[in-house]
Amino acid sequence: MVGVVENLSNKYSPKFARYGKHIPTNFSTRRKGRPAIVPKVFSSIWKLLLKPPPPVKRIQDLTPQVNLSGINFNLKKNLPRPSYYPLKGMSQNAEMYSSTSYRDYNDRLVVKPAAFAERELPFGGFQGLKTDLGIIAMPSQIVHGFVWSQEEQEWVIAATRENMKKRD
């Protein structure tokens, strides 16, 4: 009796509902084309949807971070204000120290002072703090949440980049 039912079911039932060897049990052997429900004009869209997404690119966050718990605005008033101090040294050029004199068209003696005497700071200068052991440069490390800025010529809030710390 079972054999008769099997023969009738194979004969009259649709192909997808039949029992037997023609039903694929392994999903890798199934057809990978466009399903019948998707119209042919949308087949390219269907293929793009099946395509795996591109890999996600991680971009380092370069936003400066400020440690607000380390800032003390009351102590900023107590931070020292630097003064401008000259650099001292000697020039290899001897003409820098000698003055020249000549007579002008009215036969007056004109004395041109030495280049060293003309300039207030002939070798330049820098901002620093005067101590009992001499003049020191402004600190480059963070002091009470502030750091000295040469561009601004004042104490500014210190900011760091967290990613830069991890690399060092």
C-alpha atoms as a PDB file:
ATOM      1  CA  MET A   1       0.000   0.000   0.000  1.00  0.00           C
ATOM      2  CA  VAL A   2       2.865   2.401   0.781  1.00  0.00           C
ATOM      3  CA  GLY A   3       4.381   1.819  -2.616  1.00  0.00           C
ATOM      4  CA  VAL A   4       1.151   2.782  -4.379  1.00  0.00           C
ATOM      5  CA  VAL A   5       0.893   6.027  -2.401  1.00  0.00           C
ATOM      6  CA  GLU A   6       4.522   6.864  -3.238  1.00  0.00           C
ATOM      7  CA  ASN A   7       3.952   6.319  -6.945  1.00  0.00           C
ATOM      8  CA  LEU A   8       0.809   8.487  -6.951  1.00  0.00           C
ATOM      9  CA  SER A   9       2.477  11.272  -4.964  1.00  0.00           C
ATOM     10  CA  ASN A  10       5.453  11.296  -7.349  1.00  0.00           C
ATOM     11  CA  LYS A  11       3.129  11.404 -10.340  1.00  0.00           C
ATOM     12  CA  TYR A  12       0.594  14.047  -9.291  1.00  0.00           C
ATOM     13  CA  SER A  13       2.335  16.279  -6.735  1.00  0.00           C
ATOM     14  CA  PRO A  14       4.456  19.333  -7.793  1.00  0.00           C
ATOM     15  CA  LYS A  15       8.225  18.855  -8.053  1.00  0.00           C
ATOM     16  CA  PHE A  16       9.081  20.807  -4.896  1.00  0.00           C
ATOM     17  CA  ALA A  17       6.716  18.658  -2.783  1.00  0.00           C
ATOM     18  CA  ARG A  18       7.859  15.238  -4.003  1.00  0.00           C
ATOM     19  CA  TYR A  19       9.880  12.845  -1.918  1.00  0.00           C
ATOM     20  CA  GLY A  20      12.946  11.376  -3.411  1.00  0.00           C
ATOM     21  CA  LYS A  21      16.476  12.051  -4.603  1.00  0.00           C
ATOM     22  CA  HIS A  22      15.726  15.143  -6.672  1.00  0.00           C
ATOM     23  CA  ILE A  23      15.168  17.395  -3.585  1.00  0.00           C
ATOM     24  CA  PRO A  24      18.506  18.941  -2.681  1.00  0.00           C
ATOM     25  CA  THR A  25      19.334  18.615   0.980  1.00  0.00           C
ATOM     26  CA  ASN A  26      22.612  20.472   0.670  1.00  0.00           C
ATOM     27  CA  PHE A  27      22.031  24.213   0.379  1.00  0.00           C
ATOM     28  CA  SER A  28      25.281  24.794  -1.543  1.00  0.00           C
ATOM     29  CA  THR A  29      23.859  22.916  -4.556  1.00  0.00           C
ATOM     30  CA  ARG A  30      20.828  25.169  -4.757  1.00  0.00           C
ATOM     31  CA  ARG A  31      20.499  27.652  -7.536  1.00  0.00           C
ATOM     32  CA  LYS A  32      22.127  30.960  -6.646  1.00  0.00           C
ATOM     33  CA  GLY A  33      20.394  33.083  -9.225  1.00  0.00           C
ATOM     34  CA  ARG A  34      17.700  35.688  -8.881  1.00  0.00           C
ATOM     35  CA  PRO A  35      14.503  34.432  -7.194  1.00  0.00           C
ATOM     36  CA  ALA A  36      11.406  34.346  -9.363  1.00  0.00           C
ATOM     37  CA  ILE A  37       9.724  36.993  -7.219  1.00  0.00           C
ATOM     38  CA  VAL A  38      12.400  39.565  -8.166  1.00  0.00           C
ATOM     39  CA  PRO A  39      11.675  41.089 -11.604  1.00  0.00           C
ATOM     40  CA  LYS A  40      14.415  40.905 -14.210  1.00  0.00           C
ATOM     41  CA  VAL A  41      14.839  44.707 -14.302  1.00  0.00           C
ATOM     42  CA  PHE A  42      15.775  44.640 -10.607  1.00  0.00           C
ATOM     43  CA  SER A  43      18.309  41.816 -10.917  1.00  0.00           C
ATOM     44  CA  SER A  44      21.323  44.168 -10.672  1.00  0.00           C
ATOM     45  CA  ILE A  45      19.918  45.659  -7.473  1.00  0.00           C
ATOM     46  CA  TRP A  46      19.415  42.133  -6.144  1.00  0.00           C
ATOM     47  CA  LYS A  47      23.039  41.243  -6.895  1.00  0.00           C
ATOM     48  CA  LEU A  48      24.268  44.372  -5.093  1.00  0.00           C
ATOM     49  CA  LEU A  49      22.194  43.455  -2.056  1.00  0.00           C
ATOM     50  CA  LEU A  50      23.750  39.985  -1.973  1.00  0.00           C
ATOM     51  CA  LYS A  51      27.247  41.424  -2.218  1.00  0.00           C
ATOM     52  CA  PRO A  52      29.050  41.552   1.168  1.00  0.00           C
ATOM     53  CA  PRO A  53      29.458  45.038   2.658  1.00  0.00           C
ATOM     54  CA  PRO A  54      32.876  46.689   2.341  1.00  0.00           C
ATOM     55  CA  PRO A  55      35.152  46.424   5.370  1.00  0.00           C
ATOM     56  CA  VAL A  56      34.757  49.151   7.952  1.00  0.00           C
ATOM     57  CA  LYS A  57      37.747  51.493   8.100  1.00  0.00           C
ATOM     58  CA  ARG A  58      38.652  52.695  11.565  1.00  0.00           C
ATOM     59  CA  ILE A  59      39.871  56.284  11.656  1.00  0.00           C
ATOM     60  CA  GLN A  60      41.924  57.412  14.623  1.00  0.00           C
ATOM     61  CA  ASP A  61      40.300  60.066  16.718  1.00  0.00           C
ATOM     62  CA  LEU A  62      42.686  63.029  16.719  1.00  0.00           C
ATOM     63  CA  THR A  63      40.447  65.257  18.811  1.00  0.00           C
ATOM     64  CA  PRO A  64      42.423  66.936  21.600  1.00  0.00           C
ATOM     65  CA  GLN A  65      41.406  65.864  25.100  1.00  0.00           C
ATOM     66  CA  VAL A  66      41.459  68.216  28.089  1.00  0.00           C
ATOM     67  CA  ASN A  67      41.686  66.896  31.630  1.00  0.00           C
ATOM     68  CA  LEU A  68      39.296  69.322  33.302  1.00  0.00           C
ATOM     69  CA  SER A  69      39.898  67.810  36.735  1.00  0.00           C
ATOM     70  CA  GLY A  70      43.561  68.856  36.537  1.00  0.00           C
ATOM     71  CA  ILE A  71      42.861  72.530  35.759  1.00  0.00           C
ATOM     72  CA  ASN A  72      42.996  74.960  38.637  1.00  0.00           C
ATOM     73  CA  PHE A  73      42.079  78.482  37.554  1.00  0.00           C
ATOM     74  CA  ASN A  74      42.803  79.877  41.027  1.00  0.00           C
ATOM     75  CA  LEU A  75      46.426  78.754  40.782  1.00  0.00           C
ATOM     76  CA  LYS A  76      46.802  80.265  37.314  1.00  0.00           C
ATOM     77  CA  LYS A  77      47.014  83.679  38.984  1.00  0.00           C
ATOM     78  CA  ASN A  78      50.045  82.422  40.921  1.00  0.00           C
ATOM     79  CA  LEU A  79      51.916  81.165  37.849  1.00  0.00           C
ATOM     80  CA  PRO A  80      54.972  83.327  37.137  1.00  0.00           C
ATOM     81  CA  ARG A  81      54.968  85.830  34.291  1.00  0.00           C
ATOM     82  CA  PRO A  82      58.163  85.554  32.234  1.00  0.00           C
ATOM     83  CA  SER A  83      60.438  88.409  31.282  1.00  0.00           C
ATOM     84  CA  TYR A  84      62.406  88.911  28.090  1.00  0.00           C
ATOM     85  CA  TYR A  85      66.140  88.317  28.596  1.00  0.00           C
ATOM     86  CA  PRO A  86      68.949  88.848  26.050  1.00  0.00           C
ATOM     87  CA  LEU A  87      71.139  86.052  24.771  1.00  0.00           C
ATOM     88  CA  LYS A  88      74.766  86.730  25.533  1.00  0.00           C
ATOM     89  CA  GLY A  89      77.672  85.734  23.381  1.00  0.00           C
ATOM     90  CA  MET A  90      80.418  86.940  21.124  1.00  0.00           C
ATOM     91  CA  SER A  91      80.321  87.522  17.415  1.00  0.00           C
ATOM     92  CA  GLN A  92      83.014  86.044  15.181  1.00  0.00           C
ATOM     93  CA  ASN A  93      82.762  89.146  12.989  1.00  0.00           C
ATOM     94  CA  ALA A  94      85.128  91.858  14.303  1.00  0.00           C
ATOM     95  CA  GLU A  95      83.378  94.590  12.290  1.00  0.00           C
ATOM     96  CA  MET A  96      80.343  94.223  14.538  1.00  0.00           C
ATOM     97  CA  TYR A  97      82.267  95.891  17.391  1.00  0.00           C
ATOM     98  CA  SER A  98      84.090  98.664  15.508  1.00  0.00           C
ATOM     99  CA  SER A  99      82.530 101.975  14.646  1.00  0.00           C
ATOM    100  CA  THR A 100      83.322 103.789  11.424  1.00  0.00           C
ATOM    101  CA  SER A 101      83.737 107.489  10.801  1.00  0.00           C
ATOM    102  CA  TYR A 102      83.759 109.457   7.582  1.00  0.00           C
ATOM    103  CA  ARG A 103      83.351 113.008   6.358  1.00  0.00           C
ATOM    104  CA  ASP A 104      80.137 113.992   4.613  1.00  0.00           C
ATOM    105  CA  TYR A 105      79.734 116.496   1.737  1.00  0.00           C
ATOM    106  CA  ASN A 106      79.900 119.489   4.163  1.00  0.00           C
ATOM    107  CA  ASP A 107      83.197 118.213   5.537  1.00  0.00           C
ATOM    108  CA  ARG A 108      81.584 117.252   8.847  1.00  0.00           C
ATOM    109  CA  LEU A 109      82.759 114.175  10.702  1.00  0.00           C
ATOM    110  CA  VAL A 110      80.033 111.546  10.804  1.00  0.00           C
ATOM    111  CA  VAL A 111      80.506 108.601  13.160  1.00  0.00           C
ATOM    112  CA  LYS A 112      78.566 105.487  12.367  1.00  0.00           C
ATOM    113  CA  PRO A 113      78.211 103.450  15.558  1.00  0.00           C
ATOM    114  CA  ALA A 114      79.039  99.768  15.651  1.00  0.00           C
ATOM    115  CA  ALA A 115      76.337  97.319  14.706  1.00  0.00           C
ATOM    116  CA  PHE A 116      76.627  95.881  18.208  1.00  0.00           C
ATOM    117  CA  ALA A 117      75.754  99.240  19.761  1.00  0.00           C
ATOM    118  CA  GLU A 118      72.860  99.966  17.359  1.00  0.00           C
ATOM    119  CA  ARG A 119      70.744  97.020  18.358  1.00  0.00           C
ATOM    120  CA  GLU A 120      69.325  96.516  21.811  1.00  0.00           C
ATOM    121  CA  LEU A 121      69.578  92.717  21.601  1.00  0.00           C
ATOM    122  CA  PRO A 122      72.198  91.925  18.935  1.00  0.00           C
ATOM    123  CA  PHE A 123      72.049  88.143  19.488  1.00  0.00           C
ATOM    124  CA  GLY A 124      68.328  87.990  20.169  1.00  0.00           C
ATOM    125  CA  GLY A 125      66.603  87.012  23.348  1.00  0.00           C
ATOM    126  CA  PHE A 126      64.136  84.628  24.937  1.00  0.00           C
ATOM    127  CA  GLN A 127      61.473  84.627  27.584  1.00  0.00           C
ATOM    128  CA  GLY A 128      62.370  83.019  30.845  1.00  0.00           C
ATOM    129  CA  LEU A 129      62.283  83.158  34.610  1.00  0.00           C
ATOM    130  CA  LYS A 130      65.038  84.684  36.696  1.00  0.00           C
ATOM    131  CA  THR A 131      66.159  82.448  39.537  1.00  0.00           C
ATOM    132  CA  ASP A 132      68.968  82.504  42.084  1.00  0.00           C
ATOM    133  CA  LEU A 133      70.924  80.141  39.780  1.00  0.00           C
ATOM    134  CA  GLY A 134      70.353  82.178  36.631  1.00  0.00           C
ATOM    135  CA  ILE A 135      67.742  82.520  33.930  1.00  0.00           C
ATOM    136  CA  ILE A 136      65.786  79.403  32.990  1.00  0.00           C
ATOM    137  CA  ALA A 137      63.481  78.779  30.041  1.00  0.00           C
ATOM    138  CA  MET A 138      59.728  78.488  30.486  1.00  0.00           C
ATOM    139  CA  PRO A 139      58.632  74.959  31.478  1.00  0.00           C
ATOM    140  CA  SER A 140      57.318  72.709  28.727  1.00  0.00           C
ATOM    141  CA  GLN A 141      55.437  70.348  31.038  1.00  0.00           C
ATOM    142  CA  ILE A 142      51.898  70.873  32.364  1.00  0.00           C
ATOM    143  CA  VAL A 143      51.616  73.030  35.503  1.00  0.00           C
ATOM    144  CA  HIS A 144      48.220  73.001  37.288  1.00  0.00           C
ATOM    145  CA  GLY A 145      46.528  72.141  33.965  1.00  0.00           C
ATOM    146  CA  PHE A 146      48.261  74.913  32.018  1.00  0.00           C
ATOM    147  CA  VAL A 147      51.239  74.974  29.675  1.00  0.00           C
ATOM    148  CA  TRP A 148      53.288  77.937  28.429  1.00  0.00           C
ATOM    149  CA  SER A 149      52.599  78.834  24.780  1.00  0.00           C
ATOM    150  CA  GLN A 150      55.394  80.599  22.895  1.00  0.00           C
ATOM    151  CA  GLU A 151      52.974  81.685  20.152  1.00  0.00           C
ATOM    152  CA  GLU A 152      50.422  83.238  22.505  1.00  0.00           C
ATOM    153  CA  GLN A 153      53.034  84.403  25.040  1.00  0.00           C
ATOM    154  CA  GLU A 154      50.814  83.300  27.928  1.00  0.00           C
ATOM    155  CA  TRP A 155      49.655  80.272  29.903  1.00  0.00           C
ATOM    156  CA  VAL A 156      47.025  78.242  27.999  1.00  0.00           C
ATOM    157  CA  ILE A 157      44.965  75.176  28.936  1.00  0.00           C
ATOM    158  CA  ALA A 158      46.913  71.983  28.244  1.00  0.00           C
ATOM    159  CA  ALA A 159      45.355  69.496  25.825  1.00  0.00           C
ATOM    160  CA  THR A 160      46.613  66.042  24.862  1.00  0.00           C
ATOM    161  CA  ARG A 161      45.753  63.497  22.195  1.00  0.00           C
ATOM    162  CA  GLU A 162      44.982  60.131  23.760  1.00  0.00           C
ATOM    163  CA  ASN A 163      46.030  58.236  20.595  1.00  0.00           C
ATOM    164  CA  MET A 164      49.452  59.873  20.678  1.00  0.00           C
ATOM    165  CA  LYS A 165      50.027  58.596  24.226  1.00  0.00           C
ATOM    166  CA  LYS A 166      49.236  55.009  23.213  1.00  0.00           C
ATOM    167  CA  ARG A 167      51.800  55.073  20.381  1.00  0.00           C
ATOM    168  CA  ASP A 168      54.687  56.359  22.515  1.00  0.00           C
END
